Amino acid sequence: MLYNVPMIVKAALLLFRTRDDTKQLMFVRAFGRPHFVFPGGKQEAGETIEQALRRELEEELRTKAKDIHPLGIVEGNTPDGRPLQMHLYSAVLLNEPQPSSEIEKIVWMSQEEALTQSAAMTPMTLEYVFPFLKRRKLW
């Protein structure tokens, strides 16, 4: 157990689409990382959490967003055990996302596909985000 470790505050975009009557959620995987995560990132000093989301979307996906709406906040831990607070958002992207130099892959998964990829998901996603989406009937 880690003590006196500051909480990491992160913004995450939950971007859905429907293909062949199946609702899919976007995930990204950074180069050299084992897990699929949601686009977004850590809040930097002096920026709001929404500003962090906007900056990260430009950095990771080379796009901007509009109609950004907060969905909620979940708290848990990073894969290495540090405390994490994740601010979840929905939005509309202004153009098709393109992976930046830090993003190896952009994937869209149905709920079933995501659950079969559980080894490639973070504990935060499995234990907190997926149940949040289920409670809110979003996915």
Protein backbone atom coordinates (compact mmCIF):
# COMPACT_ATOMS: atom_id res chain seq x y z
CA MET A 1 0.00 0.00 0.00
CA LEU A 2 1.32 3.43 -0.95
CA TYR A 3 1.00 6.21 1.61
CA ASN A 4 1.06 9.98 1.13
CA VAL A 5 1.03 9.63 -2.64
CA PRO A 6 -0.79 12.51 -4.33
CA MET A 7 -3.87 11.61 -6.31
CA ILE A 8 -3.49 11.70 -10.06
CA VAL A 9 -6.32 13.65 -11.70
CA LYS A 10 -7.12 12.62 -15.25
CA ALA A 11 -9.71 13.55 -17.87
CA ALA A 12 -11.07 10.77 -20.07
CA LEU A 13 -13.26 10.89 -23.17
CA LEU A 14 -15.91 8.20 -23.52
CA LEU A 15 -16.62 8.33 -27.23
CA PHE A 16 -19.31 6.01 -28.57
CA ARG A 17 -20.38 5.09 -32.08
CA THR A 18 -22.81 2.56 -33.51
CA ARG A 19 -21.72 0.08 -36.19
CA ASP A 20 -23.95 -2.72 -37.44
CA ASP A 21 -26.45 -2.00 -34.64
CA THR A 22 -23.72 -2.45 -32.02
CA LYS A 23 -22.64 0.36 -29.70
CA GLN A 24 -18.85 0.66 -29.60
CA LEU A 25 -16.52 2.60 -27.33
CA MET A 26 -13.18 4.06 -28.39
CA PHE A 27 -9.97 2.98 -26.69
CA VAL A 28 -6.36 3.96 -27.36
CA ARG A 29 -3.08 2.26 -26.55
CA ALA A 30 0.12 4.24 -26.23
CA PHE A 31 3.39 2.89 -27.59
CA GLY A 32 5.13 0.68 -25.03
CA ARG A 33 2.03 0.34 -22.84
CA PRO A 34 0.13 -2.91 -22.27
CA HIS A 35 -3.34 -1.45 -21.63
CA PHE A 36 -6.11 0.04 -23.69
CA VAL A 37 -7.29 3.28 -22.08
CA PHE A 38 -9.64 6.12 -22.90
CA PRO A 39 -8.33 9.15 -24.77
CA GLY A 40 -7.36 11.88 -22.33
CA GLY A 41 -4.72 12.45 -19.75
CA LYS A 42 -3.44 14.11 -16.62
CA GLN A 43 -4.37 17.59 -15.57
CA GLU A 44 -1.40 19.94 -15.56
CA ALA A 45 -0.82 22.82 -13.16
CA GLY A 46 -2.93 25.85 -14.01
CA GLU A 47 -5.43 24.13 -16.28
CA THR A 48 -8.99 23.03 -15.64
CA ILE A 49 -9.86 19.39 -16.09
CA GLU A 50 -11.79 20.24 -19.27
CA GLN A 51 -8.77 22.14 -20.62
CA ALA A 52 -6.69 19.03 -19.91
CA LEU A 53 -9.14 16.95 -21.95
CA ARG A 54 -9.02 19.37 -24.88
CA ARG A 55 -5.20 19.48 -24.84
CA GLU A 56 -4.87 15.72 -24.63
CA LEU A 57 -7.30 15.14 -27.50
CA GLU A 58 -5.20 17.43 -29.70
CA GLU A 59 -1.97 15.74 -28.57
CA GLU A 60 -3.18 12.13 -28.80
CA LEU A 61 -5.78 12.14 -31.57
CA ARG A 62 -4.96 15.30 -33.54
CA THR A 63 -8.49 16.58 -33.21
CA LYS A 64 -10.60 19.04 -31.28
CA ALA A 65 -13.90 18.46 -29.53
CA LYS A 66 -17.18 20.29 -29.12
CA ASP A 67 -20.26 19.70 -26.99
CA ILE A 68 -18.13 18.46 -24.08
CA HIS A 69 -20.31 17.24 -21.21
CA PRO A 70 -19.21 15.81 -17.87
CA LEU A 71 -20.60 12.33 -17.21
CA GLY A 72 -19.20 11.75 -13.74
CA ILE A 73 -16.10 10.98 -11.70
CA VAL A 74 -14.70 7.61 -10.67
CA GLU A 75 -11.88 6.95 -8.23
CA GLY A 76 -9.57 3.98 -8.00
CA ASN A 77 -5.93 3.22 -8.65
CA THR A 78 -3.48 3.13 -11.52
CA PRO A 79 -2.13 -0.31 -12.50
CA ASP A 80 0.87 0.36 -10.22
CA GLY A 81 -1.34 1.27 -7.25
CA ARG A 82 -1.30 5.08 -7.21
CA PRO A 83 -4.61 6.80 -6.39
CA LEU A 84 -6.45 8.02 -9.48
CA GLN A 85 -9.46 10.26 -9.97
CA MET A 86 -10.89 10.05 -13.48
CA HIS A 87 -13.26 12.72 -14.79
CA LEU A 88 -15.39 11.14 -17.53
CA TYR A 89 -16.69 13.19 -20.45
CA SER A 90 -18.69 12.80 -23.61
CA ALA A 91 -18.02 15.01 -26.64
CA VAL A 92 -18.23 15.28 -30.39
CA LEU A 93 -14.94 15.21 -32.28
CA LEU A 94 -14.55 17.78 -35.02
CA ASN A 95 -12.68 15.41 -37.33
CA GLU A 96 -11.75 11.75 -37.60
CA PRO A 97 -9.24 10.89 -34.86
CA GLN A 98 -5.70 10.16 -36.06
CA PRO A 99 -3.14 8.57 -33.74
CA SER A 100 -0.27 10.88 -32.80
CA SER A 101 3.31 9.76 -32.34
CA GLU A 102 2.50 8.64 -28.77
CA ILE A 103 -0.54 6.53 -29.70
CA GLU A 104 0.11 3.12 -31.24
CA LYS A 105 -3.50 2.16 -31.86
CA ILE A 106 -7.06 3.48 -31.83
CA VAL A 107 -9.67 0.74 -31.50
CA TRP A 108 -13.45 0.63 -31.24
CA MET A 109 -14.88 -2.22 -29.17
CA SER A 110 -18.33 -3.44 -28.33
CA GLN A 111 -18.99 -4.21 -24.69
CA GLU A 112 -18.57 -7.91 -25.42
CA GLU A 113 -15.26 -7.34 -27.22
CA ALA A 114 -13.96 -5.15 -24.40
CA LEU A 115 -14.78 -7.79 -21.81
CA THR A 116 -12.96 -10.46 -23.82
CA GLN A 117 -9.95 -8.10 -23.79
CA SER A 118 -10.00 -7.74 -19.99
CA ALA A 119 -6.29 -8.61 -19.69
CA ALA A 120 -5.56 -5.55 -21.82
CA MET A 121 -7.77 -3.24 -19.72
CA THR A 122 -6.70 -1.38 -16.60
CA PRO A 123 -8.21 -2.35 -13.25
CA MET A 124 -9.71 1.17 -13.13
CA THR A 125 -11.58 0.54 -16.39
CA LEU A 126 -12.84 -2.89 -15.35
CA GLU A 127 -13.67 -2.14 -11.70
CA TYR A 128 -14.99 1.42 -11.92
CA VAL A 129 -15.63 2.75 -15.44
CA PHE A 130 -17.50 -0.26 -16.86
CA PRO A 131 -19.80 -0.50 -13.79
CA PHE A 132 -20.35 3.29 -14.00
CA LEU A 133 -21.40 2.95 -17.65
CA LYS A 134 -23.72 0.06 -16.75
CA ARG A 135 -25.35 1.97 -13.85
CA ARG A 136 -25.94 4.98 -16.10
CA LYS A 137 -27.23 2.72 -18.93
CA LEU A 138 -24.69 4.24 -21.30
CA TRP A 139 -23.20 0.96 -22.54
